[in-house]
Amino acid sequence: MRLILTGGSEGIGGATLRILARRAAEAGRPARIVTTASGRKAAPEALIADLKAQGAEVLFLTGDLGDARQASQIAQKALDFCDGLDLFVSNAGAGAPARLAEQPLSEWDRIFDLNVRSTFVLAQAFHPALKRSRGGIVAVASMSGMGAHLGQAAYAPAKAALISLVQNLAVEWAPDGIRVNAVAPGMIQTPLTAALYEKPGVSEARAARVPLGRVGRPEDIAGVIAFLASDQAAYMTGQTLLADGGVCATALSHMPG
């Protein structure tokens, strides 16, 4: 398997890469992996070592995917390293809490560029290779993009736009044999959100809101991504699988009376 996963630090990205590398090794076809990060933190050496231990060849790239020029450069390096492509996992993303009345336009643009435009720029660059391999794309959206999420002025609309992009890519590229799907995670505890869950009572209060009784783990989402990328999902395209422990299904349960 030849793949690129953006946002490949510890968390959902790292858990996904470990699963995909292990499955490729078990199939006797060790993966060739490109993964990216912003470069603001050190390279995920433990993750890279784990992938190589599974027999994978790994290229770690840094850059701002919200910058279309940098995203295009990363795409070309990925294609050169992999000599083609079977799977693109668009996992890079970011948000910043804000209410709509106070949302700075510059921050709105930054969040849309990273969460939506980067997926489009990379998908477009990878289209010829994915058409040749009849490969797939999996984007990481959010339950925030499936309804109103107060206090997430740019992030929620950006993830909603990403879900729409996935649907449009899926329909347009289906004749090329390219499947395009998404997963919408709920509340997931990752290194990125660790500070939030370290606040007294937050973890317990959030878990109490989840019908399954716990906050999600990166592996919960990685398993969905691996499924969407597999032959088991060969007849699925244009779908967004909600993996939130049942949170979004409880909306009517909070109705007074």
C-alpha atoms as a PDB file:
ATOM      1  CA  MET A   1       0.000   0.000   0.000  1.00  0.00           C
ATOM      2  CA  ARG A   2       1.243   3.454  -0.946  1.00  0.00           C
ATOM      3  CA  LEU A   3      -0.315   6.144   1.176  1.00  0.00           C
ATOM      4  CA  ILE A   4      -0.061   9.673   2.477  1.00  0.00           C
ATOM      5  CA  LEU A   5      -1.643  10.770   5.739  1.00  0.00           C
ATOM      6  CA  THR A   6      -1.563  14.419   6.734  1.00  0.00           C
ATOM      7  CA  GLY A   7      -1.403  15.387  10.382  1.00  0.00           C
ATOM      8  CA  GLY A   8       0.641  12.321  11.224  1.00  0.00           C
ATOM      9  CA  SER A   9       1.595  13.034  14.816  1.00  0.00           C
ATOM     10  CA  GLU A  10       0.476  10.989  17.817  1.00  0.00           C
ATOM     11  CA  GLY A  11      -3.294  10.910  18.065  1.00  0.00           C
ATOM     12  CA  ILE A  12      -5.746   9.880  15.345  1.00  0.00           C
ATOM     13  CA  GLY A  13      -3.088  10.159  12.633  1.00  0.00           C
ATOM     14  CA  GLY A  14      -0.549   8.036  14.457  1.00  0.00           C
ATOM     15  CA  ALA A  15      -3.084   5.390  15.454  1.00  0.00           C
ATOM     16  CA  THR A  16      -4.284   5.167  11.848  1.00  0.00           C
ATOM     17  CA  LEU A  17      -0.789   4.770  10.448  1.00  0.00           C
ATOM     18  CA  ARG A  18       0.005   1.990  12.918  1.00  0.00           C
ATOM     19  CA  ILE A  19      -3.103   0.032  11.905  1.00  0.00           C
ATOM     20  CA  LEU A  20      -2.500   0.490   8.175  1.00  0.00           C
ATOM     21  CA  ALA A  21       1.184  -0.421   8.432  1.00  0.00           C
ATOM     22  CA  ARG A  22       0.373  -3.535  10.439  1.00  0.00           C
ATOM     23  CA  ARG A  23      -2.294  -4.685   7.992  1.00  0.00           C
ATOM     24  CA  ALA A  24       0.008  -4.112   5.031  1.00  0.00           C
ATOM     25  CA  ALA A  25       2.736  -6.155   6.723  1.00  0.00           C
ATOM     26  CA  GLU A  26       0.284  -8.957   7.521  1.00  0.00           C
ATOM     27  CA  ALA A  27      -0.736  -9.016   3.860  1.00  0.00           C
ATOM     28  CA  GLY A  28       2.901  -9.404   2.866  1.00  0.00           C
ATOM     29  CA  ARG A  29       3.025  -5.994   1.182  1.00  0.00           C
ATOM     30  CA  PRO A  30       4.818  -3.575   3.549  1.00  0.00           C
ATOM     31  CA  ALA A  31       3.525  -0.046   3.191  1.00  0.00           C
ATOM     32  CA  ARG A  32       5.246   2.940   1.659  1.00  0.00           C
ATOM     33  CA  ILE A  33       4.101   5.860   3.823  1.00  0.00           C
ATOM     34  CA  VAL A  34       4.332   9.629   3.594  1.00  0.00           C
ATOM     35  CA  THR A  35       3.124  11.536   6.619  1.00  0.00           C
ATOM     36  CA  THR A  36       3.142  15.235   7.358  1.00  0.00           C
ATOM     37  CA  ALA A  37       3.038  17.699  10.218  1.00  0.00           C
ATOM     38  CA  SER A  38       3.245  21.457  10.554  1.00  0.00           C
ATOM     39  CA  GLY A  39       6.818  21.396  11.832  1.00  0.00           C
ATOM     40  CA  ARG A  40       6.018  23.327  14.997  1.00  0.00           C
ATOM     41  CA  LYS A  41       6.859  20.226  17.048  1.00  0.00           C
ATOM     42  CA  ALA A  42       9.626  17.669  16.805  1.00  0.00           C
ATOM     43  CA  ALA A  43       9.197  14.761  14.424  1.00  0.00           C
ATOM     44  CA  PRO A  44       7.202  11.850  15.923  1.00  0.00           C
ATOM     45  CA  GLU A  45      10.220   9.586  16.246  1.00  0.00           C
ATOM     46  CA  ALA A  46       8.422   6.847  18.206  1.00  0.00           C
ATOM     47  CA  LEU A  47       5.698   6.646  15.569  1.00  0.00           C
ATOM     48  CA  ILE A  48       8.172   6.539  12.702  1.00  0.00           C
ATOM     49  CA  ALA A  49      10.144   3.799  14.481  1.00  0.00           C
ATOM     50  CA  ASP A  50       6.975   1.740  14.977  1.00  0.00           C
ATOM     51  CA  LEU A  51       6.085   2.030  11.296  1.00  0.00           C
ATOM     52  CA  LYS A  52       9.554   1.007  10.187  1.00  0.00           C
ATOM     53  CA  ALA A  53       9.416  -1.949  12.574  1.00  0.00           C
ATOM     54  CA  GLN A  54       6.394  -3.109  10.557  1.00  0.00           C
ATOM     55  CA  GLY A  55       8.557  -3.037   7.440  1.00  0.00           C
ATOM     56  CA  ALA A  56       7.200   0.268   6.125  1.00  0.00           C
ATOM     57  CA  GLU A  57       9.256   2.804   4.225  1.00  0.00           C
ATOM     58  CA  VAL A  58       8.521   6.222   5.729  1.00  0.00           C
ATOM     59  CA  LEU A  59       8.983   9.809   4.571  1.00  0.00           C
ATOM     60  CA  PHE A  60       8.139  12.538   7.081  1.00  0.00           C
ATOM     61  CA  LEU A  61       7.471  15.989   5.619  1.00  0.00           C
ATOM     62  CA  THR A  62       6.718  19.323   7.262  1.00  0.00           C
ATOM     63  CA  GLY A  63       4.912  22.341   5.919  1.00  0.00           C
ATOM     64  CA  ASP A  64       1.844  24.531   6.153  1.00  0.00           C
ATOM     65  CA  LEU A  65      -0.874  22.729   4.222  1.00  0.00           C
ATOM     66  CA  GLY A  66      -3.027  25.822   4.465  1.00  0.00           C
ATOM     67  CA  ASP A  67      -0.580  27.382   2.003  1.00  0.00           C
ATOM     68  CA  ALA A  68      -1.552  26.034  -1.418  1.00  0.00           C
ATOM     69  CA  ARG A  69       2.001  26.307  -2.749  1.00  0.00           C
ATOM     70  CA  GLN A  70       3.443  24.289   0.132  1.00  0.00           C
ATOM     71  CA  ALA A  71       0.632  21.748  -0.146  1.00  0.00           C
ATOM     72  CA  SER A  72       1.394  21.250  -3.847  1.00  0.00           C
ATOM     73  CA  GLN A  73       5.086  20.772  -3.104  1.00  0.00           C
ATOM     74  CA  ILE A  74       4.290  18.172  -0.452  1.00  0.00           C
ATOM     75  CA  ALA A  75       2.001  16.371  -2.901  1.00  0.00           C
ATOM     76  CA  GLN A  76       4.742  16.096  -5.499  1.00  0.00           C
ATOM     77  CA  LYS A  77       7.282  14.822  -2.964  1.00  0.00           C
ATOM     78  CA  ALA A  78       4.766  12.223  -1.792  1.00  0.00           C
ATOM     79  CA  LEU A  79       4.090  11.003  -5.330  1.00  0.00           C
ATOM     80  CA  ASP A  80       7.809  10.809  -6.082  1.00  0.00           C
ATOM     81  CA  PHE A  81       8.522   8.825  -2.907  1.00  0.00           C
ATOM     82  CA  CYS A  82       5.600   6.428  -3.287  1.00  0.00           C
ATOM     83  CA  ASP A  83       5.864   6.110  -7.084  1.00  0.00           C
ATOM     84  CA  GLY A  84       2.095   6.409  -7.272  1.00  0.00           C
ATOM     85  CA  LEU A  85      -0.621   6.359  -4.628  1.00  0.00           C
ATOM     86  CA  ASP A  86      -3.322   4.047  -3.300  1.00  0.00           C
ATOM     87  CA  LEU A  87      -4.704   6.031  -0.364  1.00  0.00           C
ATOM     88  CA  PHE A  88      -4.889   9.647   0.783  1.00  0.00           C
ATOM     89  CA  VAL A  89      -5.994  10.230   4.377  1.00  0.00           C
ATOM     90  CA  SER A  90      -6.711  13.919   4.975  1.00  0.00           C
ATOM     91  CA  ASN A  91      -6.296  14.208   8.720  1.00  0.00           C
ATOM     92  CA  ALA A  92      -4.619  17.598   9.169  1.00  0.00           C
ATOM     93  CA  GLY A  93      -6.887  20.177  10.730  1.00  0.00           C
ATOM     94  CA  ALA A  94      -7.193  22.805  13.404  1.00  0.00           C
ATOM     95  CA  GLY A  95      -9.723  24.978  15.134  1.00  0.00           C
ATOM     96  CA  ALA A  96      -9.857  27.881  17.541  1.00  0.00           C
ATOM     97  CA  PRO A  97     -12.836  28.624  19.811  1.00  0.00           C
ATOM     98  CA  ALA A  98     -14.687  31.793  18.879  1.00  0.00           C
ATOM     99  CA  ARG A  99     -18.213  33.094  18.528  1.00  0.00           C
ATOM    100  CA  LEU A 100     -19.381  34.294  15.139  1.00  0.00           C
ATOM    101  CA  ALA A 101     -19.773  37.923  16.216  1.00  0.00           C
ATOM    102  CA  GLU A 102     -16.107  38.055  17.272  1.00  0.00           C
ATOM    103  CA  GLN A 103     -14.480  35.730  14.717  1.00  0.00           C
ATOM    104  CA  PRO A 104     -11.530  37.492  13.010  1.00  0.00           C
ATOM    105  CA  LEU A 105     -11.629  37.049   9.251  1.00  0.00           C
ATOM    106  CA  SER A 106      -7.958  36.112   9.143  1.00  0.00           C
ATOM    107  CA  GLU A 107      -8.576  33.229  11.566  1.00  0.00           C
ATOM    108  CA  TRP A 108     -11.662  32.141   9.591  1.00  0.00           C
ATOM    109  CA  ASP A 109      -9.523  31.965   6.442  1.00  0.00           C
ATOM    110  CA  ARG A 110      -6.741  30.046   8.211  1.00  0.00           C
ATOM    111  CA  ILE A 111      -9.121  27.404   9.534  1.00  0.00           C
ATOM    112  CA  PHE A 112     -10.880  26.967   6.179  1.00  0.00           C
ATOM    113  CA  ASP A 113      -7.567  26.826   4.315  1.00  0.00           C
ATOM    114  CA  LEU A 114      -6.248  24.043   6.538  1.00  0.00           C
ATOM    115  CA  ASN A 115      -9.416  22.003   7.015  1.00  0.00           C
ATOM    116  CA  VAL A 116     -10.978  22.329   3.550  1.00  0.00           C
ATOM    117  CA  ARG A 117      -8.756  23.856   0.902  1.00  0.00           C
ATOM    118  CA  SER A 118      -5.764  21.650   1.708  1.00  0.00           C
ATOM    119  CA  THR A 119      -7.904  18.555   1.159  1.00  0.00           C
ATOM    120  CA  PHE A 120      -9.007  19.906  -2.222  1.00  0.00           C
ATOM    121  CA  VAL A 121      -5.497  20.939  -3.305  1.00  0.00           C
ATOM    122  CA  LEU A 122      -3.995  17.574  -2.354  1.00  0.00           C
ATOM    123  CA  ALA A 123      -6.875  15.524  -3.763  1.00  0.00           C
ATOM    124  CA  GLN A 124      -6.589  17.346  -7.077  1.00  0.00           C
ATOM    125  CA  ALA A 125      -2.851  16.703  -7.189  1.00  0.00           C
ATOM    126  CA  PHE A 126      -3.343  13.020  -6.356  1.00  0.00           C
ATOM    127  CA  HIS A 127      -6.230  12.433  -8.779  1.00  0.00           C
ATOM    128  CA  PRO A 128      -4.177  11.003 -11.690  1.00  0.00           C
ATOM    129  CA  ALA A 129      -2.318   8.564  -9.415  1.00  0.00           C
ATOM    130  CA  LEU A 130      -5.475   7.485  -7.585  1.00  0.00           C
ATOM    131  CA  LYS A 131      -7.236   6.977 -10.912  1.00  0.00           C
ATOM    132  CA  ARG A 132      -4.439   4.678 -12.057  1.00  0.00           C
ATOM    133  CA  SER A 133      -4.568   2.643  -8.845  1.00  0.00           C
ATOM    134  CA  ARG A 134      -8.350   2.908  -8.383  1.00  0.00           C
ATOM    135  CA  GLY A 135      -7.515   4.094  -4.898  1.00  0.00           C
ATOM    136  CA  GLY A 136      -9.334   6.029  -2.225  1.00  0.00           C
ATOM    137  CA  ILE A 137      -9.555   9.089  -0.035  1.00  0.00           C
ATOM    138  CA  VAL A 138     -10.658   9.260   3.586  1.00  0.00           C
ATOM    139  CA  ALA A 139     -11.114  12.676   5.205  1.00  0.00           C
ATOM    140  CA  VAL A 140     -11.357  13.303   8.927  1.00  0.00           C
ATOM    141  CA  ALA A 141     -14.294  15.635   9.502  1.00  0.00           C
ATOM    142  CA  SER A 142     -16.046  16.131  12.853  1.00  0.00           C
ATOM    143  CA  MET A 143     -19.427  15.832  14.511  1.00  0.00           C
ATOM    144  CA  SER A 144     -19.100  19.639  14.719  1.00  0.00           C
ATOM    145  CA  GLY A 145     -19.695  19.732  10.969  1.00  0.00           C
ATOM    146  CA  MET A 146     -22.982  17.855  11.233  1.00  0.00           C
ATOM    147  CA  GLY A 147     -24.927  20.504  13.140  1.00  0.00           C
ATOM    148  CA  ALA A 148     -24.615  23.779  14.979  1.00  0.00           C
ATOM    149  CA  HIS A 149     -21.697  23.898  17.430  1.00  0.00           C
ATOM    150  CA  LEU A 150     -21.753  27.146  19.361  1.00  0.00           C
ATOM    151  CA  GLY A 151     -18.371  28.652  20.060  1.00  0.00           C
ATOM    152  CA  GLN A 152     -16.767  27.044  17.003  1.00  0.00           C
ATOM    153  CA  ALA A 153     -17.457  29.857  14.558  1.00  0.00           C
ATOM    154  CA  ALA A 154     -15.067  28.728  11.816  1.00  0.00           C
ATOM    155  CA  TYR A 155     -14.292  25.126  12.718  1.00  0.00           C
ATOM    156  CA  ALA A 156     -17.865  23.805  12.504  1.00  0.00           C
ATOM    157  CA  PRO A 157     -18.615  25.425   9.107  1.00  0.00           C
ATOM    158  CA  ALA A 158     -15.211  24.274   7.810  1.00  0.00           C
ATOM    159  CA  LYS A 159     -15.916  20.664   8.734  1.00  0.00           C
ATOM    160  CA  ALA A 160     -19.387  20.944   7.183  1.00  0.00           C
ATOM    161  CA  ALA A 161     -17.731  22.191   3.997  1.00  0.00           C
ATOM    162  CA  LEU A 162     -15.301  19.270   4.141  1.00  0.00           C
ATOM    163  CA  ILE A 163     -18.211  16.825   4.322  1.00  0.00           C
ATOM    164  CA  SER A 164     -19.744  18.486   1.251  1.00  0.00           C
ATOM    165  CA  LEU A 165     -16.411  18.344  -0.566  1.00  0.00           C
ATOM    166  CA  VAL A 166     -16.200  14.617   0.150  1.00  0.00           C
ATOM    167  CA  GLN A 167     -19.665  14.074  -1.339  1.00  0.00           C
ATOM    168  CA  ASN A 168     -18.837  16.033  -4.475  1.00  0.00           C
ATOM    169  CA  LEU A 169     -15.458  14.363  -4.987  1.00  0.00           C
ATOM    170  CA  ALA A 170     -17.086  10.965  -4.527  1.00  0.00           C
ATOM    171  CA  VAL A 171     -19.716  11.511  -7.189  1.00  0.00           C
ATOM    172  CA  GLU A 172     -17.428  13.190  -9.705  1.00  0.00           C
ATOM    173  CA  TRP A 173     -14.596  10.698  -9.335  1.00  0.00           C
ATOM    174  CA  ALA A 174     -16.627   7.501  -9.012  1.00  0.00           C
ATOM    175  CA  PRO A 175     -16.266   6.811 -12.773  1.00  0.00           C
ATOM    176  CA  ASP A 176     -12.495   6.936 -12.212  1.00  0.00           C
ATOM    177  CA  GLY A 177     -12.766   4.163  -9.621  1.00  0.00           C
ATOM    178  CA  ILE A 178     -11.829   6.491  -6.749  1.00  0.00           C
ATOM    179  CA  ARG A 179     -13.815   6.109  -3.531  1.00  0.00           C
ATOM    180  CA  VAL A 180     -14.067   9.148  -1.247  1.00  0.00           C
ATOM    181  CA  ASN A 181     -15.471   8.940   2.283  1.00  0.00           C
ATOM    182  CA  ALA A 182     -15.133  10.641   5.640  1.00  0.00           C
ATOM    183  CA  VAL A 183     -15.304   9.903   9.340  1.00  0.00           C
ATOM    184  CA  ALA A 184     -16.774  12.418  11.778  1.00  0.00           C
ATOM    185  CA  PRO A 185     -15.234  11.890  15.222  1.00  0.00           C
ATOM    186  CA  GLY A 186     -16.981  12.937  18.391  1.00  0.00           C
ATOM    187  CA  MET A 187     -15.112  13.776  21.589  1.00  0.00           C
ATOM    188  CA  ILE A 188     -11.701  12.105  21.317  1.00  0.00           C
ATOM    189  CA  GLN A 189      -8.908  12.402  23.862  1.00  0.00           C
ATOM    190  CA  THR A 190      -5.616  12.946  22.041  1.00  0.00           C
ATOM    191  CA  PRO A 191      -2.337  14.674  22.866  1.00  0.00           C
ATOM    192  CA  LEU A 192      -3.835  17.758  21.180  1.00  0.00           C
ATOM    193  CA  THR A 193      -6.814  17.812  23.568  1.00  0.00           C
ATOM    194  CA  ALA A 194      -4.959  16.480  26.635  1.00  0.00           C
ATOM    195  CA  ALA A 195      -4.838  19.854  28.396  1.00  0.00           C
ATOM    196  CA  LEU A 196      -8.630  20.111  28.264  1.00  0.00           C
ATOM    197  CA  TYR A 197      -9.136  16.679  29.804  1.00  0.00           C
ATOM    198  CA  GLU A 198      -6.644  17.428  32.573  1.00  0.00           C
ATOM    199  CA  LYS A 199      -8.987  20.086  33.959  1.00  0.00           C
ATOM    200  CA  PRO A 200     -10.811  18.806  37.038  1.00  0.00           C
ATOM    201  CA  GLY A 201     -14.102  17.132  36.226  1.00  0.00           C
ATOM    202  CA  VAL A 202     -13.992  17.645  32.453  1.00  0.00           C
ATOM    203  CA  SER A 203     -13.284  14.040  31.501  1.00  0.00           C
ATOM    204  CA  GLU A 204     -16.022  12.710  33.788  1.00  0.00           C
ATOM    205  CA  ALA A 205     -18.559  15.328  32.658  1.00  0.00           C
ATOM    206  CA  ARG A 206     -17.916  14.609  28.988  1.00  0.00           C
ATOM    207  CA  ALA A 207     -18.061  10.859  29.464  1.00  0.00           C
ATOM    208  CA  ALA A 208     -21.449  11.297  31.156  1.00  0.00           C
ATOM    209  CA  ARG A 209     -22.764  12.905  27.958  1.00  0.00           C
ATOM    210  CA  VAL A 210     -21.804   9.894  25.846  1.00  0.00           C
ATOM    211  CA  PRO A 211     -24.330   7.030  25.695  1.00  0.00           C
ATOM    212  CA  LEU A 212     -21.448   4.531  25.468  1.00  0.00           C
ATOM    213  CA  GLY A 213     -20.108   5.991  28.717  1.00  0.00           C
ATOM    214  CA  ARG A 214     -16.637   7.121  27.728  1.00  0.00           C
ATOM    215  CA  VAL A 215     -14.701   9.660  25.723  1.00  0.00           C
ATOM    216  CA  GLY A 216     -13.251   8.223  22.537  1.00  0.00           C
ATOM    217  CA  ARG A 217      -9.687   7.128  21.912  1.00  0.00           C
ATOM    218  CA  PRO A 218      -7.620   7.694  18.743  1.00  0.00           C
ATOM    219  CA  GLU A 219      -7.843   3.991  17.987  1.00  0.00           C
ATOM    220  CA  ASP A 220     -11.647   4.258  17.802  1.00  0.00           C
ATOM    221  CA  ILE A 221     -11.352   6.591  14.816  1.00  0.00           C
ATOM    222  CA  ALA A 222      -8.346   4.847  13.300  1.00  0.00           C
ATOM    223  CA  GLY A 223     -10.392   1.656  13.033  1.00  0.00           C
ATOM    224  CA  VAL A 224     -13.107   3.455  11.058  1.00  0.00           C
ATOM    225  CA  ILE A 225     -10.546   5.008   8.710  1.00  0.00           C
ATOM    226  CA  ALA A 226      -8.918   1.617   8.143  1.00  0.00           C
ATOM    227  CA  PHE A 227     -12.337   0.126   7.360  1.00  0.00           C
ATOM    228  CA  LEU A 228     -13.181   2.866   4.848  1.00  0.00           C
ATOM    229  CA  ALA A 229      -9.807   2.334   3.181  1.00  0.00           C
ATOM    230  CA  SER A 230     -10.276  -1.433   2.940  1.00  0.00           C
ATOM    231  CA  ASP A 231     -11.935  -3.706   0.408  1.00  0.00           C
ATOM    232  CA  GLN A 232     -14.653  -4.327   3.004  1.00  0.00           C
ATOM    233  CA  ALA A 233     -15.952  -0.849   2.132  1.00  0.00           C
ATOM    234  CA  ALA A 234     -15.573  -1.346  -1.620  1.00  0.00           C
ATOM    235  CA  TYR A 235     -19.205  -0.367  -2.287  1.00  0.00           C
ATOM    236  CA  MET A 236     -19.148   2.772  -0.128  1.00  0.00           C
ATOM    237  CA  THR A 237     -18.454   6.249  -1.413  1.00  0.00           C
ATOM    238  CA  GLY A 238     -19.665   9.732  -0.555  1.00  0.00           C
ATOM    239  CA  GLN A 239     -20.397   8.696   3.036  1.00  0.00           C
ATOM    240  CA  THR A 240     -19.534  10.293   6.367  1.00  0.00           C
ATOM    241  CA  LEU A 241     -19.498   7.816   9.243  1.00  0.00           C
ATOM    242  CA  LEU A 242     -20.295   9.434  12.584  1.00  0.00           C
ATOM    243  CA  ALA A 243     -18.146   7.936  15.354  1.00  0.00           C
ATOM    244  CA  ASP A 244     -19.220   9.815  18.481  1.00  0.00           C
ATOM    245  CA  GLY A 245     -20.333   7.160  20.936  1.00  0.00           C
ATOM    246  CA  GLY A 246     -23.931   8.153  20.349  1.00  0.00           C
ATOM    247  CA  VAL A 247     -23.681  11.821  21.354  1.00  0.00           C
ATOM    248  CA  CYS A 248     -25.470  13.304  18.340  1.00  0.00           C
ATOM    249  CA  ALA A 249     -28.324  10.819  18.702  1.00  0.00           C
ATOM    250  CA  THR A 250     -29.238  12.254  22.114  1.00  0.00           C
ATOM    251  CA  ALA A 251     -30.399  15.688  20.936  1.00  0.00           C
ATOM    252  CA  LEU A 252     -34.104  15.060  21.550  1.00  0.00           C
ATOM    253  CA  SER A 253     -33.344  13.523  24.955  1.00  0.00           C
ATOM    254  CA  HIS A 254     -32.544  17.014  26.265  1.00  0.00           C
ATOM    255  CA  MET A 255     -35.910  18.460  25.280  1.00  0.00           C
ATOM    256  CA  PRO A 256     -37.801  19.776  28.338  1.00  0.00           C
ATOM    257  CA  GLY A 257     -41.004  17.931  29.142  1.00  0.00           C
END
